[in-house]
Amino acid sequence: MIGAVGIGLAGGVVAGLLGVGGGVVFVPGLVLMLGLGQHQAEATSLLAIVPVAIVGSYRQDRYGNVRRADALLVGLLSLAGAAAGVVLANALSGALLRDAFAALIVVVAVQLARRALRATPVVAAGGHPPAGTGGEKA
């Protein structure tokens, strides 16, 4: 029970803070801490993410950060993708599914790291970043 509480809290914080979805925390946590199989962990994560997504999107919307038309389009198209993904996941072995999930997390991590390194503002003469580099003061 304590493991499930920790997974839930960590997944919620990650989802709300980074917007990556608690699944990157839920799935490994459910497999490693609660001993679920890969299929069970992914299915459980899909259901667990519903309340997290509702609360996170509601709070972000109150800050004016949600583009509703885009969210609706992505959400509706994701329904078909989710249905197809479930069929595909059930056709794969747990080991292959686990390895594919791990590869996806590594690819995303590498892309995020590359973007973060590229986005580091270059400081111009005078100690201030050049305009348009993201380092301006608000």
N, C-alpha and C. Protein backbone atom coordinates (compact mmCIF):
# COMPACT_ATOMS: atom_id res chain seq x y z
N MET A 1 0.81 -1.20 0.00
CA MET A 1 0.00 0.00 0.00
C MET A 1 0.86 1.26 0.00
N ILE A 2 1.94 1.26 0.79
CA ILE A 2 2.82 2.43 0.84
C ILE A 2 3.47 2.66 -0.52
N GLY A 3 3.83 1.58 -1.21
CA GLY A 3 4.40 1.71 -2.55
C GLY A 3 3.42 2.36 -3.51
N ALA A 4 2.16 1.97 -3.46
CA ALA A 4 1.14 2.55 -4.34
C ALA A 4 0.95 4.03 -4.04
N VAL A 5 0.98 4.39 -2.76
CA VAL A 5 0.84 5.80 -2.37
C VAL A 5 2.02 6.61 -2.93
N GLY A 6 3.22 6.09 -2.77
CA GLY A 6 4.41 6.78 -3.29
C GLY A 6 4.38 6.93 -4.79
N ILE A 7 3.98 5.86 -5.48
CA ILE A 7 3.88 5.91 -6.95
C ILE A 7 2.86 6.95 -7.38
N GLY A 8 1.71 6.95 -6.72
CA GLY A 8 0.66 7.91 -7.06
C GLY A 8 1.07 9.35 -6.84
N LEU A 9 1.68 9.63 -5.70
CA LEU A 9 2.12 10.99 -5.42
C LEU A 9 3.21 11.43 -6.39
N ALA A 10 4.19 10.57 -6.62
CA ALA A 10 5.28 10.93 -7.54
C ALA A 10 4.75 11.13 -8.96
N GLY A 11 3.87 10.25 -9.41
CA GLY A 11 3.31 10.39 -10.75
C GLY A 11 2.50 11.65 -10.90
N GLY A 12 1.74 12.00 -9.88
CA GLY A 12 0.95 13.23 -9.93
C GLY A 12 1.81 14.47 -9.99
N VAL A 13 2.86 14.49 -9.18
CA VAL A 13 3.77 15.64 -9.19
C VAL A 13 4.45 15.78 -10.54
N VAL A 14 4.95 14.67 -11.07
CA VAL A 14 5.63 14.71 -12.37
C VAL A 14 4.67 15.16 -13.47
N ALA A 15 3.45 14.63 -13.46
CA ALA A 15 2.47 15.01 -14.48
C ALA A 15 2.11 16.48 -14.38
N GLY A 16 1.85 16.96 -13.18
CA GLY A 16 1.48 18.36 -13.02
C GLY A 16 2.62 19.32 -13.28
N LEU A 17 3.80 18.93 -12.87
CA LEU A 17 4.97 19.80 -13.00
C LEU A 17 5.51 19.84 -14.42
N LEU A 18 5.67 18.66 -15.01
CA LEU A 18 6.34 18.57 -16.31
C LEU A 18 5.40 18.30 -17.47
N GLY A 19 4.18 17.88 -17.18
CA GLY A 19 3.23 17.62 -18.25
C GLY A 19 3.56 16.39 -19.07
N VAL A 20 4.42 15.53 -18.57
CA VAL A 20 4.81 14.35 -19.33
C VAL A 20 3.89 13.17 -19.09
N GLY A 21 2.98 13.34 -18.18
CA GLY A 21 2.10 12.23 -17.84
C GLY A 21 2.75 11.37 -16.79
N GLY A 22 1.96 10.99 -15.81
CA GLY A 22 2.48 10.19 -14.73
C GLY A 22 2.89 8.80 -15.15
N GLY A 23 2.52 8.41 -16.39
CA GLY A 23 2.84 7.07 -16.86
C GLY A 23 4.32 6.75 -16.85
N VAL A 24 5.16 7.77 -17.02
CA VAL A 24 6.60 7.51 -16.99
C VAL A 24 7.06 7.16 -15.58
N VAL A 25 6.25 7.50 -14.59
CA VAL A 25 6.53 7.10 -13.21
C VAL A 25 5.68 5.89 -12.84
N PHE A 26 4.40 5.92 -13.25
CA PHE A 26 3.47 4.85 -12.88
C PHE A 26 3.93 3.48 -13.38
N VAL A 27 4.24 3.38 -14.66
CA VAL A 27 4.54 2.06 -15.23
C VAL A 27 5.77 1.43 -14.58
N PRO A 28 6.92 2.11 -14.55
CA PRO A 28 8.06 1.48 -13.88
C PRO A 28 7.79 1.21 -12.39
N GLY A 29 7.10 2.13 -11.73
CA GLY A 29 6.81 1.94 -10.33
C GLY A 29 5.92 0.73 -10.07
N LEU A 30 4.90 0.57 -10.90
CA LEU A 30 4.00 -0.57 -10.74
C LEU A 30 4.72 -1.89 -11.01
N VAL A 31 5.63 -1.88 -11.96
CA VAL A 31 6.38 -3.10 -12.27
C VAL A 31 7.40 -3.40 -11.17
N LEU A 32 8.20 -2.40 -10.81
CA LEU A 32 9.31 -2.62 -9.89
C LEU A 32 8.89 -2.69 -8.42
N MET A 33 7.93 -1.85 -8.03
CA MET A 33 7.56 -1.79 -6.61
C MET A 33 6.39 -2.69 -6.24
N LEU A 34 5.45 -2.85 -7.18
CA LEU A 34 4.27 -3.65 -6.86
C LEU A 34 4.25 -5.00 -7.55
N GLY A 35 5.24 -5.26 -8.41
CA GLY A 35 5.36 -6.56 -9.04
C GLY A 35 4.35 -6.86 -10.13
N LEU A 36 3.72 -5.86 -10.70
CA LEU A 36 2.78 -6.09 -11.78
C LEU A 36 3.52 -6.47 -13.05
N GLY A 37 2.87 -7.22 -13.93
CA GLY A 37 3.43 -7.49 -15.24
C GLY A 37 3.34 -6.24 -16.10
N GLN A 38 4.07 -6.23 -17.20
CA GLN A 38 4.10 -5.04 -18.05
C GLN A 38 2.71 -4.67 -18.58
N HIS A 39 1.95 -5.67 -19.02
CA HIS A 39 0.61 -5.40 -19.54
C HIS A 39 -0.28 -4.81 -18.44
N GLN A 40 -0.23 -5.41 -17.26
CA GLN A 40 -1.04 -4.92 -16.13
C GLN A 40 -0.62 -3.51 -15.72
N ALA A 41 0.67 -3.25 -15.70
CA ALA A 41 1.16 -1.94 -15.29
C ALA A 41 0.72 -0.86 -16.28
N GLU A 42 0.82 -1.16 -17.57
CA GLU A 42 0.43 -0.16 -18.56
C GLU A 42 -1.08 0.08 -18.54
N ALA A 43 -1.86 -0.98 -18.38
CA ALA A 43 -3.31 -0.82 -18.32
C ALA A 43 -3.72 -0.07 -17.06
N THR A 44 -3.09 -0.38 -15.94
CA THR A 44 -3.39 0.31 -14.69
C THR A 44 -3.00 1.77 -14.79
N SER A 45 -1.87 2.06 -15.42
CA SER A 45 -1.42 3.42 -15.60
C SER A 45 -2.41 4.23 -16.45
N LEU A 46 -2.95 3.60 -17.48
CA LEU A 46 -3.92 4.30 -18.33
C LEU A 46 -5.14 4.75 -17.53
N LEU A 47 -5.62 3.88 -16.67
CA LEU A 47 -6.77 4.26 -15.85
C LEU A 47 -6.38 5.26 -14.77
N ALA A 48 -5.22 5.08 -14.17
CA ALA A 48 -4.79 5.97 -13.09
C ALA A 48 -4.52 7.39 -13.60
N ILE A 49 -4.18 7.53 -14.85
CA ILE A 49 -3.83 8.85 -15.37
C ILE A 49 -5.06 9.72 -15.60
N VAL A 50 -6.25 9.11 -15.65
CA VAL A 50 -7.48 9.89 -15.90
C VAL A 50 -7.68 10.97 -14.84
N PRO A 51 -7.73 10.63 -13.54
CA PRO A 51 -7.91 11.72 -12.57
C PRO A 51 -6.74 12.69 -12.53
N VAL A 52 -5.53 12.20 -12.75
CA VAL A 52 -4.36 13.07 -12.77
C VAL A 52 -4.49 14.09 -13.91
N ALA A 53 -4.89 13.61 -15.09
CA ALA A 53 -5.05 14.49 -16.24
C ALA A 53 -6.16 15.52 -16.01
N ILE A 54 -7.24 15.09 -15.39
CA ILE A 54 -8.35 16.01 -15.12
C ILE A 54 -7.90 17.13 -14.18
N VAL A 55 -7.30 16.76 -13.07
CA VAL A 55 -6.86 17.77 -12.10
C VAL A 55 -5.78 18.66 -12.70
N GLY A 56 -4.78 18.06 -13.34
CA GLY A 56 -3.69 18.84 -13.91
C GLY A 56 -4.16 19.79 -15.00
N SER A 57 -5.02 19.32 -15.89
CA SER A 57 -5.48 20.19 -16.97
C SER A 57 -6.40 21.29 -16.43
N TYR A 58 -7.22 20.97 -15.44
CA TYR A 58 -8.07 21.99 -14.83
C TYR A 58 -7.23 23.10 -14.21
N ARG A 59 -6.22 22.71 -13.45
CA ARG A 59 -5.37 23.72 -12.81
C ARG A 59 -4.58 24.52 -13.85
N GLN A 60 -4.06 23.85 -14.87
CA GLN A 60 -3.32 24.57 -15.91
C GLN A 60 -4.24 25.50 -16.69
N ASP A 61 -5.48 25.08 -16.91
CA ASP A 61 -6.45 25.92 -17.61
C ASP A 61 -6.73 27.19 -16.81
N ARG A 62 -6.77 27.08 -15.50
CA ARG A 62 -7.00 28.27 -14.67
C ARG A 62 -5.86 29.27 -14.79
N TYR A 63 -4.66 28.80 -15.13
CA TYR A 63 -3.53 29.69 -15.36
C TYR A 63 -3.49 30.19 -16.81
N GLY A 64 -4.42 29.72 -17.63
CA GLY A 64 -4.46 30.15 -19.03
C GLY A 64 -3.49 29.42 -19.93
N ASN A 65 -3.02 28.25 -19.51
CA ASN A 65 -2.00 27.53 -20.27
C ASN A 65 -2.56 26.48 -21.22
N VAL A 66 -3.87 26.29 -21.27
CA VAL A 66 -4.46 25.24 -22.10
C VAL A 66 -5.00 25.84 -23.39
N ARG A 67 -4.60 25.29 -24.50
CA ARG A 67 -5.18 25.65 -25.80
C ARG A 67 -6.27 24.63 -26.06
N ARG A 68 -7.50 25.01 -25.76
CA ARG A 68 -8.62 24.07 -25.73
C ARG A 68 -8.90 23.40 -27.06
N ALA A 69 -8.84 24.13 -28.16
CA ALA A 69 -9.10 23.52 -29.47
C ALA A 69 -8.06 22.43 -29.77
N ASP A 70 -6.81 22.72 -29.48
CA ASP A 70 -5.75 21.74 -29.70
C ASP A 70 -5.93 20.54 -28.77
N ALA A 71 -6.29 20.81 -27.52
CA ALA A 71 -6.50 19.72 -26.55
C ALA A 71 -7.63 18.81 -27.00
N LEU A 72 -8.72 19.40 -27.49
CA LEU A 72 -9.86 18.60 -27.96
C LEU A 72 -9.46 17.74 -29.15
N LEU A 73 -8.76 18.32 -30.11
CA LEU A 73 -8.34 17.58 -31.30
C LEU A 73 -7.40 16.43 -30.92
N VAL A 74 -6.39 16.74 -30.12
CA VAL A 74 -5.43 15.71 -29.70
C VAL A 74 -6.15 14.62 -28.90
N GLY A 75 -7.04 15.03 -28.00
CA GLY A 75 -7.77 14.07 -27.19
C GLY A 75 -8.65 13.14 -28.01
N LEU A 76 -9.37 13.70 -28.96
CA LEU A 76 -10.25 12.87 -29.79
C LEU A 76 -9.45 11.90 -30.65
N LEU A 77 -8.39 12.38 -31.25
CA LEU A 77 -7.56 11.50 -32.07
C LEU A 77 -6.84 10.45 -31.23
N SER A 78 -6.55 10.79 -30.00
CA SER A 78 -5.89 9.84 -29.10
C SER A 78 -6.79 8.65 -28.76
N LEU A 79 -8.09 8.85 -28.80
CA LEU A 79 -9.01 7.74 -28.52
C LEU A 79 -8.77 6.59 -29.50
N ALA A 80 -8.69 6.91 -30.79
CA ALA A 80 -8.44 5.88 -31.80
C ALA A 80 -7.05 5.28 -31.61
N GLY A 81 -6.07 6.12 -31.31
CA GLY A 81 -4.72 5.63 -31.09
C GLY A 81 -4.63 4.72 -29.88
N ALA A 82 -5.35 5.07 -28.82
CA ALA A 82 -5.33 4.24 -27.61
C ALA A 82 -5.95 2.87 -27.89
N ALA A 83 -7.06 2.85 -28.63
CA ALA A 83 -7.70 1.57 -28.96
C ALA A 83 -6.77 0.70 -29.78
N ALA A 84 -6.10 1.29 -30.77
CA ALA A 84 -5.16 0.54 -31.60
C ALA A 84 -3.95 0.08 -30.77
N GLY A 85 -3.49 0.95 -29.87
CA GLY A 85 -2.35 0.60 -29.03
C GLY A 85 -2.64 -0.58 -28.11
N VAL A 86 -3.86 -0.64 -27.59
CA VAL A 86 -4.23 -1.76 -26.72
C VAL A 86 -4.21 -3.07 -27.49
N VAL A 87 -4.74 -3.05 -28.71
CA VAL A 87 -4.72 -4.26 -29.54
C VAL A 87 -3.28 -4.69 -29.80
N LEU A 88 -2.43 -3.73 -30.16
CA LEU A 88 -1.03 -4.04 -30.43
C LEU A 88 -0.32 -4.53 -29.16
N ALA A 89 -0.54 -3.86 -28.04
CA ALA A 89 0.12 -4.26 -26.79
C ALA A 89 -0.25 -5.68 -26.40
N ASN A 90 -1.50 -6.06 -26.59
CA ASN A 90 -1.92 -7.41 -26.23
C ASN A 90 -1.38 -8.47 -27.19
N ALA A 91 -0.92 -8.05 -28.36
CA ALA A 91 -0.33 -8.98 -29.31
C ALA A 91 1.16 -9.20 -29.05
N LEU A 92 1.75 -8.35 -28.21
CA LEU A 92 3.18 -8.43 -27.93
C LEU A 92 3.44 -9.12 -26.60
N SER A 93 4.61 -9.69 -26.45
CA SER A 93 4.99 -10.30 -25.18
C SER A 93 5.28 -9.20 -24.17
N GLY A 94 5.21 -9.56 -22.89
CA GLY A 94 5.53 -8.60 -21.83
C GLY A 94 6.95 -8.09 -21.92
N ALA A 95 7.89 -8.97 -22.27
CA ALA A 95 9.29 -8.57 -22.37
C ALA A 95 9.50 -7.56 -23.51
N LEU A 96 8.88 -7.83 -24.66
CA LEU A 96 9.02 -6.90 -25.78
C LEU A 96 8.36 -5.56 -25.47
N LEU A 97 7.22 -5.61 -24.82
CA LEU A 97 6.51 -4.40 -24.43
C LEU A 97 7.35 -3.58 -23.44
N ARG A 98 7.96 -4.26 -22.47
CA ARG A 98 8.83 -3.60 -21.49
C ARG A 98 10.01 -2.93 -22.19
N ASP A 99 10.64 -3.64 -23.11
CA ASP A 99 11.80 -3.10 -23.82
C ASP A 99 11.41 -1.91 -24.70
N ALA A 100 10.25 -1.99 -25.33
CA ALA A 100 9.77 -0.88 -26.16
C ALA A 100 9.48 0.35 -25.30
N PHE A 101 8.90 0.13 -24.13
CA PHE A 101 8.63 1.24 -23.21
C PHE A 101 9.94 1.88 -22.76
N ALA A 102 10.91 1.06 -22.41
CA ALA A 102 12.21 1.57 -21.98
C ALA A 102 12.89 2.35 -23.11
N ALA A 103 12.81 1.84 -24.32
CA ALA A 103 13.41 2.54 -25.47
C ALA A 103 12.73 3.89 -25.69
N LEU A 104 11.42 3.93 -25.56
CA LEU A 104 10.69 5.19 -25.71
C LEU A 104 11.14 6.21 -24.68
N ILE A 105 11.28 5.78 -23.44
CA ILE A 105 11.71 6.69 -22.37
C ILE A 105 13.12 7.22 -22.66
N VAL A 106 14.00 6.36 -23.15
CA VAL A 106 15.37 6.79 -23.47
C VAL A 106 15.35 7.80 -24.61
N VAL A 107 14.57 7.54 -25.66
CA VAL A 107 14.49 8.47 -26.80
C VAL A 107 13.97 9.83 -26.34
N VAL A 108 12.93 9.84 -25.54
CA VAL A 108 12.37 11.09 -25.04
C VAL A 108 13.39 11.82 -24.17
N ALA A 109 14.09 11.10 -23.32
CA ALA A 109 15.10 11.72 -22.45
C ALA A 109 16.21 12.35 -23.28
N VAL A 110 16.67 11.66 -24.31
CA VAL A 110 17.73 12.20 -25.16
C VAL A 110 17.24 13.46 -25.88
N GLN A 111 16.02 13.43 -26.41
CA GLN A 111 15.48 14.61 -27.09
C GLN A 111 15.35 15.79 -26.14
N LEU A 112 14.86 15.55 -24.95
CA LEU A 112 14.73 16.63 -23.97
C LEU A 112 16.09 17.20 -23.60
N ALA A 113 17.07 16.34 -23.41
CA ALA A 113 18.41 16.80 -23.06
C ALA A 113 19.00 17.64 -24.19
N ARG A 114 18.84 17.18 -25.43
CA ARG A 114 19.37 17.93 -26.58
C ARG A 114 18.72 19.30 -26.68
N ARG A 115 17.41 19.36 -26.51
CA ARG A 115 16.71 20.65 -26.58
C ARG A 115 17.14 21.57 -25.44
N ALA A 116 17.30 21.02 -24.26
CA ALA A 116 17.72 21.83 -23.12
C ALA A 116 19.11 22.40 -23.34
N LEU A 117 20.00 21.60 -23.88
CA LEU A 117 21.36 22.07 -24.13
C LEU A 117 21.39 23.13 -25.23
N ARG A 118 20.56 22.95 -26.24
CA ARG A 118 20.49 23.94 -27.32
C ARG A 118 19.85 25.24 -26.87
N ALA A 119 18.94 25.18 -25.91
CA ALA A 119 18.20 26.36 -25.47
C ALA A 119 18.95 27.20 -24.46
N THR A 120 20.14 26.76 -24.04
CA THR A 120 20.91 27.52 -23.07
C THR A 120 21.30 28.85 -23.70
N PRO A 121 20.87 29.97 -23.10
CA PRO A 121 21.16 31.27 -23.71
C PRO A 121 22.65 31.59 -23.70
N VAL A 122 23.08 32.19 -24.78
CA VAL A 122 24.46 32.64 -24.90
C VAL A 122 24.51 34.05 -24.34
N VAL A 123 25.44 34.30 -23.44
CA VAL A 123 25.53 35.62 -22.83
C VAL A 123 26.36 36.52 -23.72
N ALA A 124 25.76 37.66 -24.11
CA ALA A 124 26.43 38.63 -24.97
C ALA A 124 27.31 39.54 -24.12
N ALA A 125 28.05 40.39 -24.79
CA ALA A 125 28.87 41.37 -24.09
C ALA A 125 27.97 42.20 -23.19
N GLY A 126 28.42 42.49 -21.99
CA GLY A 126 27.62 43.25 -21.04
C GLY A 126 26.88 42.35 -20.06
N GLY A 127 26.99 41.01 -20.24
CA GLY A 127 26.39 40.10 -19.28
C GLY A 127 24.92 39.79 -19.48
N HIS A 128 24.34 40.25 -20.60
CA HIS A 128 22.92 39.99 -20.85
C HIS A 128 22.76 39.09 -22.06
N PRO A 129 21.83 38.12 -22.01
CA PRO A 129 21.60 37.27 -23.17
C PRO A 129 21.03 38.08 -24.32
N PRO A 130 21.37 37.73 -25.56
CA PRO A 130 20.84 38.44 -26.71
C PRO A 130 19.32 38.30 -26.77
N ALA A 131 18.66 39.29 -27.33
CA ALA A 131 17.20 39.26 -27.47
C ALA A 131 16.78 38.04 -28.27
N GLY A 132 15.68 37.41 -27.85
CA GLY A 132 15.13 36.29 -28.58
C GLY A 132 15.72 34.94 -28.20
N THR A 133 16.59 34.89 -27.20
CA THR A 133 17.20 33.61 -26.83
C THR A 133 16.52 32.96 -25.65
N GLY A 134 15.49 33.60 -25.12
CA GLY A 134 14.78 33.03 -24.00
C GLY A 134 15.33 33.45 -22.66
N GLY A 135 16.37 34.25 -22.64
CA GLY A 135 16.97 34.64 -21.39
C GLY A 135 16.58 36.05 -20.95
N GLU A 136 15.60 36.66 -21.66
CA GLU A 136 15.18 38.01 -21.31
C GLU A 136 14.42 38.01 -20.01
N LYS A 137 14.46 39.15 -19.34
CA LYS A 137 13.67 39.30 -18.13
C LYS A 137 12.26 39.70 -18.53
N ALA A 138 11.28 39.23 -17.74
CA ALA A 138 9.88 39.52 -18.05
C ALA A 138 9.51 40.93 -17.68
